[in-house]
Amino acid sequence: MFAVAAIAILVAMLLAIVRAVLGPTIYDRILAVNVFGTKAVLLIAVLGFLTDRPEFLDLAIVYALINFIATIAIMKFFRFAHLGHPHADDNFGDL
């Protein structure tokens, strides 16, 4: 049963990669990469159950946190064209 779930997750990951390549806008591509990361978390968890290694769940949680933070950072970068203070070089002493 978990093997079938792993295969289904791999198919969904393949579809997400296709969407990331063919996405018409940058936001569609970012969403597809986020979906791919989420499916990777699910695949890590399923493989942990298949191999009877519960420590894979810890790895899946860490990967999910990294995926979330990276998605927020990429969205902020494409929205504001910077990740830090917008005028850091203009008024460096006024921080």
PDB file of N, CA and C in Angstrom:
ATOM      1  N   MET A   1       0.817  -1.192   0.000  1.00  0.00           N
ATOM      2  CA  MET A   1       0.000   0.000   0.000  1.00  0.00           C
ATOM      3  C   MET A   1       0.868   1.266   0.000  1.00  0.00           C
ATOM      4  N   PHE A   2       1.936   1.265   0.818  1.00  0.00           N
ATOM      5  CA  PHE A   2       2.819   2.430   0.833  1.00  0.00           C
ATOM      6  C   PHE A   2       3.611   2.541  -0.461  1.00  0.00           C
ATOM      7  N   ALA A   3       3.879   1.410  -1.087  1.00  0.00           N
ATOM      8  CA  ALA A   3       4.591   1.446  -2.368  1.00  0.00           C
ATOM      9  C   ALA A   3       3.737   2.119  -3.439  1.00  0.00           C
ATOM     10  N   VAL A   4       2.447   1.853  -3.436  1.00  0.00           N
ATOM     11  CA  VAL A   4       1.538   2.501  -4.387  1.00  0.00           C
ATOM     12  C   VAL A   4       1.464   3.997  -4.101  1.00  0.00           C
ATOM     13  N   ALA A   5       1.457   4.355  -2.830  1.00  0.00           N
ATOM     14  CA  ALA A   5       1.442   5.775  -2.465  1.00  0.00           C
ATOM     15  C   ALA A   5       2.729   6.463  -2.920  1.00  0.00           C
ATOM     16  N   ALA A   6       3.862   5.782  -2.792  1.00  0.00           N
ATOM     17  CA  ALA A   6       5.135   6.357  -3.230  1.00  0.00           C
ATOM     18  C   ALA A   6       5.139   6.570  -4.740  1.00  0.00           C
ATOM     19  N   ILE A   7       4.596   5.624  -5.483  1.00  0.00           N
ATOM     20  CA  ILE A   7       4.522   5.776  -6.939  1.00  0.00           C
ATOM     21  C   ILE A   7       3.599   6.931  -7.322  1.00  0.00           C
ATOM     22  N   ALA A   8       2.475   7.054  -6.626  1.00  0.00           N
ATOM     23  CA  ALA A   8       1.547   8.156  -6.899  1.00  0.00           C
ATOM     24  C   ALA A   8       2.194   9.508  -6.585  1.00  0.00           C
ATOM     25  N   ILE A   9       2.973   9.560  -5.519  1.00  0.00           N
ATOM     26  CA  ILE A   9       3.665  10.805  -5.170  1.00  0.00           C
ATOM     27  C   ILE A   9       4.703  11.143  -6.230  1.00  0.00           C
ATOM     28  N   LEU A  10       5.412  10.134  -6.738  1.00  0.00           N
ATOM     29  CA  LEU A  10       6.388  10.377  -7.796  1.00  0.00           C
ATOM     30  C   LEU A  10       5.725  10.910  -9.066  1.00  0.00           C
ATOM     31  N   VAL A  11       4.545  10.397  -9.393  1.00  0.00           N
ATOM     32  CA  VAL A  11       3.806  10.901 -10.558  1.00  0.00           C
ATOM     33  C   VAL A  11       3.398  12.358 -10.330  1.00  0.00           C
ATOM     34  N   ALA A  12       2.928  12.662  -9.123  1.00  0.00           N
ATOM     35  CA  ALA A  12       2.545  14.040  -8.808  1.00  0.00           C
ATOM     36  C   ALA A  12       3.757  14.972  -8.854  1.00  0.00           C
ATOM     37  N   MET A  13       4.927  14.467  -8.434  1.00  0.00           N
ATOM     38  CA  MET A  13       6.145  15.270  -8.511  1.00  0.00           C
ATOM     39  C   MET A  13       6.531  15.532  -9.964  1.00  0.00           C
ATOM     40  N   LEU A  14       6.360  14.546 -10.801  1.00  0.00           N
ATOM     41  CA  LEU A  14       6.640  14.726 -12.228  1.00  0.00           C
ATOM     42  C   LEU A  14       5.714  15.782 -12.833  1.00  0.00           C
ATOM     43  N   LEU A  15       4.443  15.752 -12.472  1.00  0.00           N
ATOM     44  CA  LEU A  15       3.502  16.759 -12.966  1.00  0.00           C
ATOM     45  C   LEU A  15       3.857  18.159 -12.462  1.00  0.00           C
ATOM     46  N   ALA A  16       4.345  18.239 -11.227  1.00  0.00           N
ATOM     47  CA  ALA A  16       4.755  19.541 -10.693  1.00  0.00           C
ATOM     48  C   ALA A  16       5.970  20.078 -11.439  1.00  0.00           C
ATOM     49  N   ILE A  17       6.893  19.208 -11.800  1.00  0.00           N
ATOM     50  CA  ILE A  17       8.061  19.644 -12.575  1.00  0.00           C
ATOM     51  C   ILE A  17       7.634  20.133 -13.954  1.00  0.00           C
ATOM     52  N   VAL A  18       6.689  19.443 -14.566  1.00  0.00           N
ATOM     53  CA  VAL A  18       6.185  19.880 -15.867  1.00  0.00           C
ATOM     54  C   VAL A  18       5.554  21.260 -15.739  1.00  0.00           C
ATOM     55  N   ARG A  19       4.809  21.472 -14.664  1.00  0.00           N
ATOM     56  CA  ARG A  19       4.179  22.782 -14.450  1.00  0.00           C
ATOM     57  C   ARG A  19       5.219  23.860 -14.186  1.00  0.00           C
ATOM     58  N   ALA A  20       6.299  23.502 -13.505  1.00  0.00           N
ATOM     59  CA  ALA A  20       7.354  24.480 -13.236  1.00  0.00           C
ATOM     60  C   ALA A  20       8.064  24.891 -14.523  1.00  0.00           C
ATOM     61  N   VAL A  21       8.191  23.964 -15.443  1.00  0.00           N
ATOM     62  CA  VAL A  21       8.854  24.286 -16.709  1.00  0.00           C
ATOM     63  C   VAL A  21       7.920  25.060 -17.640  1.00  0.00           C
ATOM     64  N   LEU A  22       6.657  24.686 -17.677  1.00  0.00           N
ATOM     65  CA  LEU A  22       5.716  25.271 -18.629  1.00  0.00           C
ATOM     66  C   LEU A  22       4.883  26.424 -18.072  1.00  0.00           C
ATOM     67  N   GLY A  23       5.029  26.723 -16.779  1.00  0.00           N
ATOM     68  CA  GLY A  23       4.184  27.743 -16.167  1.00  0.00           C
ATOM     69  C   GLY A  23       4.236  29.068 -16.897  1.00  0.00           C
ATOM     70  N   PRO A  24       3.094  29.688 -17.168  1.00  0.00           N
ATOM     71  CA  PRO A  24       3.108  30.938 -17.930  1.00  0.00           C
ATOM     72  C   PRO A  24       3.665  32.126 -17.138  1.00  0.00           C
ATOM     73  N   THR A  25       3.499  32.128 -15.828  1.00  0.00           N
ATOM     74  CA  THR A  25       4.003  33.246 -15.022  1.00  0.00           C
ATOM     75  C   THR A  25       4.998  32.729 -14.001  1.00  0.00           C
ATOM     76  N   ILE A  26       5.747  33.651 -13.415  1.00  0.00           N
ATOM     77  CA  ILE A  26       6.726  33.275 -12.405  1.00  0.00           C
ATOM     78  C   ILE A  26       6.033  32.730 -11.158  1.00  0.00           C
ATOM     79  N   TYR A  27       4.839  33.218 -10.861  1.00  0.00           N
ATOM     80  CA  TYR A  27       4.122  32.750  -9.684  1.00  0.00           C
ATOM     81  C   TYR A  27       3.647  31.311  -9.855  1.00  0.00           C
ATOM     82  N   ASP A  28       3.284  30.929 -11.076  1.00  0.00           N
ATOM     83  CA  ASP A  28       2.938  29.530 -11.333  1.00  0.00           C
ATOM     84  C   ASP A  28       4.153  28.634 -11.142  1.00  0.00           C
ATOM     85  N   ARG A  29       5.291  29.101 -11.548  1.00  0.00           N
ATOM     86  CA  ARG A  29       6.513  28.312 -11.394  1.00  0.00           C
ATOM     87  C   ARG A  29       6.906  28.172  -9.937  1.00  0.00           C
ATOM     88  N   ILE A  30       6.782  29.253  -9.172  1.00  0.00           N
ATOM     89  CA  ILE A  30       7.094  29.198  -7.743  1.00  0.00           C
ATOM     90  C   ILE A  30       6.132  28.256  -7.032  1.00  0.00           C
ATOM     91  N   LEU A  31       4.869  28.323  -7.369  1.00  0.00           N
ATOM     92  CA  LEU A  31       3.887  27.428  -6.774  1.00  0.00           C
ATOM     93  C   LEU A  31       4.188  25.974  -7.112  1.00  0.00           C
ATOM     94  N   ALA A  32       4.605  25.709  -8.350  1.00  0.00           N
ATOM     95  CA  ALA A  32       4.939  24.341  -8.749  1.00  0.00           C
ATOM     96  C   ALA A  32       6.152  23.824  -7.978  1.00  0.00           C
ATOM     97  N   VAL A  33       7.140  24.678  -7.762  1.00  0.00           N
ATOM     98  CA  VAL A  33       8.312  24.258  -6.989  1.00  0.00           C
ATOM     99  C   VAL A  33       7.924  24.010  -5.541  1.00  0.00           C
ATOM    100  N   ASN A  34       7.021  24.820  -5.003  1.00  0.00           N
ATOM    101  CA  ASN A  34       6.532  24.603  -3.643  1.00  0.00           C
ATOM    102  C   ASN A  34       5.767  23.284  -3.550  1.00  0.00           C
ATOM    103  N   VAL A  35       4.951  22.988  -4.530  1.00  0.00           N
ATOM    104  CA  VAL A  35       4.228  21.710  -4.557  1.00  0.00           C
ATOM    105  C   VAL A  35       5.215  20.551  -4.643  1.00  0.00           C
ATOM    106  N   PHE A  36       6.255  20.716  -5.452  1.00  0.00           N
ATOM    107  CA  PHE A  36       7.275  19.678  -5.555  1.00  0.00           C
ATOM    108  C   PHE A  36       7.937  19.441  -4.199  1.00  0.00           C
ATOM    109  N   GLY A  37       8.245  20.504  -3.466  1.00  0.00           N
ATOM    110  CA  GLY A  37       8.835  20.368  -2.135  1.00  0.00           C
ATOM    111  C   GLY A  37       7.910  19.674  -1.160  1.00  0.00           C
ATOM    112  N   THR A  38       6.634  19.992  -1.246  1.00  0.00           N
ATOM    113  CA  THR A  38       5.655  19.336  -0.372  1.00  0.00           C
ATOM    114  C   THR A  38       5.549  17.855  -0.693  1.00  0.00           C
ATOM    115  N   LYS A  39       5.553  17.530  -1.965  1.00  0.00           N
ATOM    116  CA  LYS A  39       5.509  16.111  -2.357  1.00  0.00           C
ATOM    117  C   LYS A  39       6.791  15.389  -1.943  1.00  0.00           C
ATOM    118  N   ALA A  40       7.919  16.095  -1.959  1.00  0.00           N
ATOM    119  CA  ALA A  40       9.163  15.489  -1.493  1.00  0.00           C
ATOM    120  C   ALA A  40       9.083  15.154  -0.008  1.00  0.00           C
ATOM    121  N   VAL A  41       8.452  16.024   0.775  1.00  0.00           N
ATOM    122  CA  VAL A  41       8.246  15.747   2.196  1.00  0.00           C
ATOM    123  C   VAL A  41       7.379  14.493   2.375  1.00  0.00           C
ATOM    124  N   LEU A  42       6.325  14.403   1.593  1.00  0.00           N
ATOM    125  CA  LEU A  42       5.467  13.215   1.668  1.00  0.00           C
ATOM    126  C   LEU A  42       6.226  11.956   1.252  1.00  0.00           C
ATOM    127  N   LEU A  43       7.047  12.070   0.218  1.00  0.00           N
ATOM    128  CA  LEU A  43       7.813  10.915  -0.240  1.00  0.00           C
ATOM    129  C   LEU A  43       8.824  10.471   0.814  1.00  0.00           C
ATOM    130  N   ILE A  44       9.480  11.407   1.468  1.00  0.00           N
ATOM    131  CA  ILE A  44      10.415  11.057   2.539  1.00  0.00           C
ATOM    132  C   ILE A  44       9.686  10.332   3.666  1.00  0.00           C
ATOM    133  N   ALA A  45       8.500  10.815   4.034  1.00  0.00           N
ATOM    134  CA  ALA A  45       7.727  10.172   5.097  1.00  0.00           C
ATOM    135  C   ALA A  45       7.288   8.765   4.693  1.00  0.00           C
ATOM    136  N   VAL A  46       6.828   8.597   3.462  1.00  0.00           N
ATOM    137  CA  VAL A  46       6.397   7.277   2.995  1.00  0.00           C
ATOM    138  C   VAL A  46       7.579   6.318   2.918  1.00  0.00           C
ATOM    139  N   LEU A  47       8.716   6.799   2.437  1.00  0.00           N
ATOM    140  CA  LEU A  47       9.894   5.934   2.392  1.00  0.00           C
ATOM    141  C   LEU A  47      10.364   5.563   3.796  1.00  0.00           C
ATOM    142  N   GLY A  48      10.174   6.447   4.741  1.00  0.00           N
ATOM    143  CA  GLY A  48      10.484   6.115   6.135  1.00  0.00           C
ATOM    144  C   GLY A  48       9.606   4.997   6.659  1.00  0.00           C
ATOM    145  N   PHE A  49       8.333   5.012   6.292  1.00  0.00           N
ATOM    146  CA  PHE A  49       7.446   3.922   6.690  1.00  0.00           C
ATOM    147  C   PHE A  49       7.774   2.630   5.962  1.00  0.00           C
ATOM    148  N   LEU A  50       8.140   2.740   4.682  1.00  0.00           N
ATOM    149  CA  LEU A  50       8.479   1.545   3.905  1.00  0.00           C
ATOM    150  C   LEU A  50       9.726   0.850   4.436  1.00  0.00           C
ATOM    151  N   THR A  51      10.716   1.619   4.823  1.00  0.00           N
ATOM    152  CA  THR A  51      11.969   1.040   5.297  1.00  0.00           C
ATOM    153  C   THR A  51      12.003   0.865   6.809  1.00  0.00           C
ATOM    154  N   ASP A  52      10.922   1.185   7.480  1.00  0.00           N
ATOM    155  CA  ASP A  52      10.798   1.064   8.940  1.00  0.00           C
ATOM    156  C   ASP A  52      11.874   1.881   9.661  1.00  0.00           C
ATOM    157  N   ARG A  53      12.021   3.119   9.204  1.00  0.00           N
ATOM    158  CA  ARG A  53      12.975   4.044   9.821  1.00  0.00           C
ATOM    159  C   ARG A  53      12.239   5.329  10.200  1.00  0.00           C
ATOM    160  N   PRO A  54      11.797   5.427  11.445  1.00  0.00           N
ATOM    161  CA  PRO A  54      11.002   6.595  11.861  1.00  0.00           C
ATOM    162  C   PRO A  54      11.788   7.901  11.897  1.00  0.00           C
ATOM    163  N   GLU A  55      13.117   7.834  11.872  1.00  0.00           N
ATOM    164  CA  GLU A  55      13.898   9.081  11.880  1.00  0.00           C
ATOM    165  C   GLU A  55      13.757   9.852  10.580  1.00  0.00           C
ATOM    166  N   PHE A  56      13.212   9.219   9.549  1.00  0.00           N
ATOM    167  CA  PHE A  56      12.946   9.943   8.310  1.00  0.00           C
ATOM    168  C   PHE A  56      11.886  11.027   8.511  1.00  0.00           C
ATOM    169  N   LEU A  57      11.024  10.848   9.485  1.00  0.00           N
ATOM    170  CA  LEU A  57      10.014  11.877   9.753  1.00  0.00           C
ATOM    171  C   LEU A  57      10.660  13.166  10.246  1.00  0.00           C
ATOM    172  N   ASP A  58      11.731  13.043  11.021  1.00  0.00           N
ATOM    173  CA  ASP A  58      12.459  14.240  11.449  1.00  0.00           C
ATOM    174  C   ASP A  58      13.059  14.965  10.247  1.00  0.00           C
ATOM    175  N   LEU A  59      13.617  14.202   9.332  1.00  0.00           N
ATOM    176  CA  LEU A  59      14.159  14.805   8.120  1.00  0.00           C
ATOM    177  C   LEU A  59      13.065  15.468   7.288  1.00  0.00           C
ATOM    178  N   ALA A  60      11.904  14.841   7.234  1.00  0.00           N
ATOM    179  CA  ALA A  60      10.787  15.411   6.480  1.00  0.00           C
ATOM    180  C   ALA A  60      10.322  16.728   7.098  1.00  0.00           C
ATOM    181  N   ILE A  61      10.298  16.807   8.410  1.00  0.00           N
ATOM    182  CA  ILE A  61       9.880  18.046   9.075  1.00  0.00           C
ATOM    183  C   ILE A  61      10.881  19.165   8.803  1.00  0.00           C
ATOM    184  N   VAL A  62      12.161  18.856   8.871  1.00  0.00           N
ATOM    185  CA  VAL A  62      13.190  19.856   8.590  1.00  0.00           C
ATOM    186  C   VAL A  62      13.086  20.325   7.143  1.00  0.00           C
ATOM    187  N   TYR A  63      12.889  19.394   6.225  1.00  0.00           N
ATOM    188  CA  TYR A  63      12.764  19.757   4.816  1.00  0.00           C
ATOM    189  C   TYR A  63      11.518  20.618   4.589  1.00  0.00           C
ATOM    190  N   ALA A  64      10.432  20.335   5.289  1.00  0.00           N
ATOM    191  CA  ALA A  64       9.217  21.139   5.162  1.00  0.00           C
ATOM    192  C   ALA A  64       9.457  22.566   5.646  1.00  0.00           C
ATOM    193  N   LEU A  65      10.187  22.726   6.736  1.00  0.00           N
ATOM    194  CA  LEU A  65      10.492  24.072   7.226  1.00  0.00           C
ATOM    195  C   LEU A  65      11.377  24.838   6.240  1.00  0.00           C
ATOM    196  N   ILE A  66      12.369  24.163   5.690  1.00  0.00           N
ATOM    197  CA  ILE A  66      13.237  24.802   4.702  1.00  0.00           C
ATOM    198  C   ILE A  66      12.431  25.195   3.467  1.00  0.00           C
ATOM    199  N   ASN A  67      11.541  24.320   3.033  1.00  0.00           N
ATOM    200  CA  ASN A  67      10.695  24.598   1.867  1.00  0.00           C
ATOM    201  C   ASN A  67       9.812  25.821   2.116  1.00  0.00           C
ATOM    202  N   PHE A  68       9.232  25.916   3.296  1.00  0.00           N
ATOM    203  CA  PHE A  68       8.365  27.043   3.631  1.00  0.00           C
ATOM    204  C   PHE A  68       9.145  28.355   3.646  1.00  0.00           C
ATOM    205  N   ILE A  69      10.287  28.369   4.306  1.00  0.00           N
ATOM    206  CA  ILE A  69      11.083  29.590   4.401  1.00  0.00           C
ATOM    207  C   ILE A  69      11.596  30.017   3.032  1.00  0.00           C
ATOM    208  N   ALA A  70      12.034  29.054   2.232  1.00  0.00           N
ATOM    209  CA  ALA A  70      12.532  29.381   0.899  1.00  0.00           C
ATOM    210  C   ALA A  70      11.426  29.948   0.017  1.00  0.00           C
ATOM    211  N   THR A  71      10.235  29.410   0.107  1.00  0.00           N
ATOM    212  CA  THR A  71       9.128  29.914  -0.699  1.00  0.00           C
ATOM    213  C   THR A  71       8.777  31.344  -0.312  1.00  0.00           C
ATOM    214  N   ILE A  72       8.745  31.627   0.978  1.00  0.00           N
ATOM    215  CA  ILE A  72       8.458  32.990   1.434  1.00  0.00           C
ATOM    216  C   ILE A  72       9.555  33.950   0.962  1.00  0.00           C
ATOM    217  N   ALA A  73      10.814  33.534   1.055  1.00  0.00           N
ATOM    218  CA  ALA A  73      11.924  34.396   0.627  1.00  0.00           C
ATOM    219  C   ALA A  73      11.872  34.661  -0.872  1.00  0.00           C
ATOM    220  N   ILE A  74      11.584  33.643  -1.660  1.00  0.00           N
ATOM    221  CA  ILE A  74      11.521  33.827  -3.113  1.00  0.00           C
ATOM    222  C   ILE A  74      10.354  34.727  -3.488  1.00  0.00           C
ATOM    223  N   MET A  75       9.207  34.552  -2.845  1.00  0.00           N
ATOM    224  CA  MET A  75       8.059  35.414  -3.129  1.00  0.00           C
ATOM    225  C   MET A  75       8.362  36.865  -2.759  1.00  0.00           C
ATOM    226  N   LYS A  76       9.035  37.078  -1.628  1.00  0.00           N
ATOM    227  CA  LYS A  76       9.387  38.437  -1.232  1.00  0.00           C
ATOM    228  C   LYS A  76      10.373  39.045  -2.229  1.00  0.00           C
ATOM    229  N   PHE A  77      11.331  38.242  -2.690  1.00  0.00           N
ATOM    230  CA  PHE A  77      12.301  38.757  -3.640  1.00  0.00           C
ATOM    231  C   PHE A  77      11.637  39.168  -4.944  1.00  0.00           C
ATOM    232  N   PHE A  78      10.724  38.365  -5.464  1.00  0.00           N
ATOM    233  CA  PHE A  78      10.074  38.715  -6.725  1.00  0.00           C
ATOM    234  C   PHE A  78       9.058  39.833  -6.552  1.00  0.00           C
ATOM    235  N   ARG A  79       8.570  40.025  -5.362  1.00  0.00           N
ATOM    236  CA  ARG A  79       7.621  41.107  -5.128  1.00  0.00           C
ATOM    237  C   ARG A  79       8.322  42.455  -4.959  1.00  0.00           C
ATOM    238  N   PHE A  80       9.414  42.466  -4.155  1.00  0.00           N
ATOM    239  CA  PHE A  80      10.067  43.729  -3.819  1.00  0.00           C
ATOM    240  C   PHE A  80      11.445  43.892  -4.451  1.00  0.00           C
ATOM    241  N   ALA A  81      11.962  42.904  -5.135  1.00  0.00           N
ATOM    242  CA  ALA A  81      13.266  42.922  -5.801  1.00  0.00           C
ATOM    243  C   ALA A  81      14.438  43.041  -4.834  1.00  0.00           C
ATOM    244  N   HIS A  82      14.240  42.737  -3.572  1.00  0.00           N
ATOM    245  CA  HIS A  82      15.319  42.689  -2.585  1.00  0.00           C
ATOM    246  C   HIS A  82      14.833  41.871  -1.399  1.00  0.00           C
ATOM    247  N   LEU A  83      15.757  41.404  -0.581  1.00  0.00           N
ATOM    248  CA  LEU A  83      15.394  40.620   0.599  1.00  0.00           C
ATOM    249  C   LEU A  83      15.594  41.383   1.890  1.00  0.00           C
ATOM    250  N   GLY A  84      16.351  42.458   1.841  1.00  0.00           N
ATOM    251  CA  GLY A  84      16.643  43.227   3.043  1.00  0.00           C
ATOM    252  C   GLY A  84      16.013  44.598   2.991  1.00  0.00           C
ATOM    253  N   HIS A  85      16.696  45.536   3.596  1.00  0.00           N
ATOM    254  CA  HIS A  85      16.239  46.918   3.623  1.00  0.00           C
ATOM    255  C   HIS A  85      16.327  47.503   2.211  1.00  0.00           C
ATOM    256  N   PRO A  86      15.282  48.157   1.706  1.00  0.00           N
ATOM    257  CA  PRO A  86      15.289  48.603   0.315  1.00  0.00           C
ATOM    258  C   PRO A  86      16.316  49.682   0.001  1.00  0.00           C
ATOM    259  N   HIS A  87      16.672  50.507   0.977  1.00  0.00           N
ATOM    260  CA  HIS A  87      17.606  51.598   0.727  1.00  0.00           C
ATOM    261  C   HIS A  87      18.820  51.464   1.643  1.00  0.00           C
ATOM    262  N   ALA A  88      19.356  50.285   1.736  1.00  0.00           N
ATOM    263  CA  ALA A  88      20.456  50.034   2.662  1.00  0.00           C
ATOM    264  C   ALA A  88      21.718  50.809   2.272  1.00  0.00           C
ATOM    265  N   ASP A  89      21.940  51.034   0.999  1.00  0.00           N
ATOM    266  CA  ASP A  89      23.150  51.746   0.593  1.00  0.00           C
ATOM    267  C   ASP A  89      22.967  53.262   0.598  1.00  0.00           C
ATOM    268  N   ASP A  90      21.735  53.766   0.621  1.00  0.00           N
ATOM    269  CA  ASP A  90      21.496  55.214   0.601  1.00  0.00           C
ATOM    270  C   ASP A  90      21.752  55.846   1.977  1.00  0.00           C
ATOM    271  N   ASN A  91      21.103  55.331   3.006  1.00  0.00           N
ATOM    272  CA  ASN A  91      21.203  55.886   4.352  1.00  0.00           C
ATOM    273  C   ASN A  91      21.711  54.818   5.294  1.00  0.00           C
ATOM    274  N   PHE A  92      22.947  54.438   5.127  1.00  0.00           N
ATOM    275  CA  PHE A  92      23.491  53.345   5.923  1.00  0.00           C
ATOM    276  C   PHE A  92      23.540  53.687   7.407  1.00  0.00           C
ATOM    277  N   GLY A  93      23.790  54.921   7.765  1.00  0.00           N
ATOM    278  CA  GLY A  93      23.878  55.315   9.163  1.00  0.00           C
ATOM    279  C   GLY A  93      22.529  55.433   9.851  1.00  0.00           C
ATOM    280  N   ASP A  94      21.431  55.486   9.116  1.00  0.00           N
ATOM    281  CA  ASP A  94      20.110  55.697   9.704  1.00  0.00           C
ATOM    282  C   ASP A  94      19.411  54.400  10.075  1.00  0.00           C
ATOM    283  N   LEU A  95      20.098  53.287  10.052  1.00  0.00           N
ATOM    284  CA  LEU A  95      19.459  52.007  10.389  1.00  0.00           C
ATOM    285  C   LEU A  95      19.255  51.961  11.855  1.00  0.00           C
TER     286      LEU A  95
END
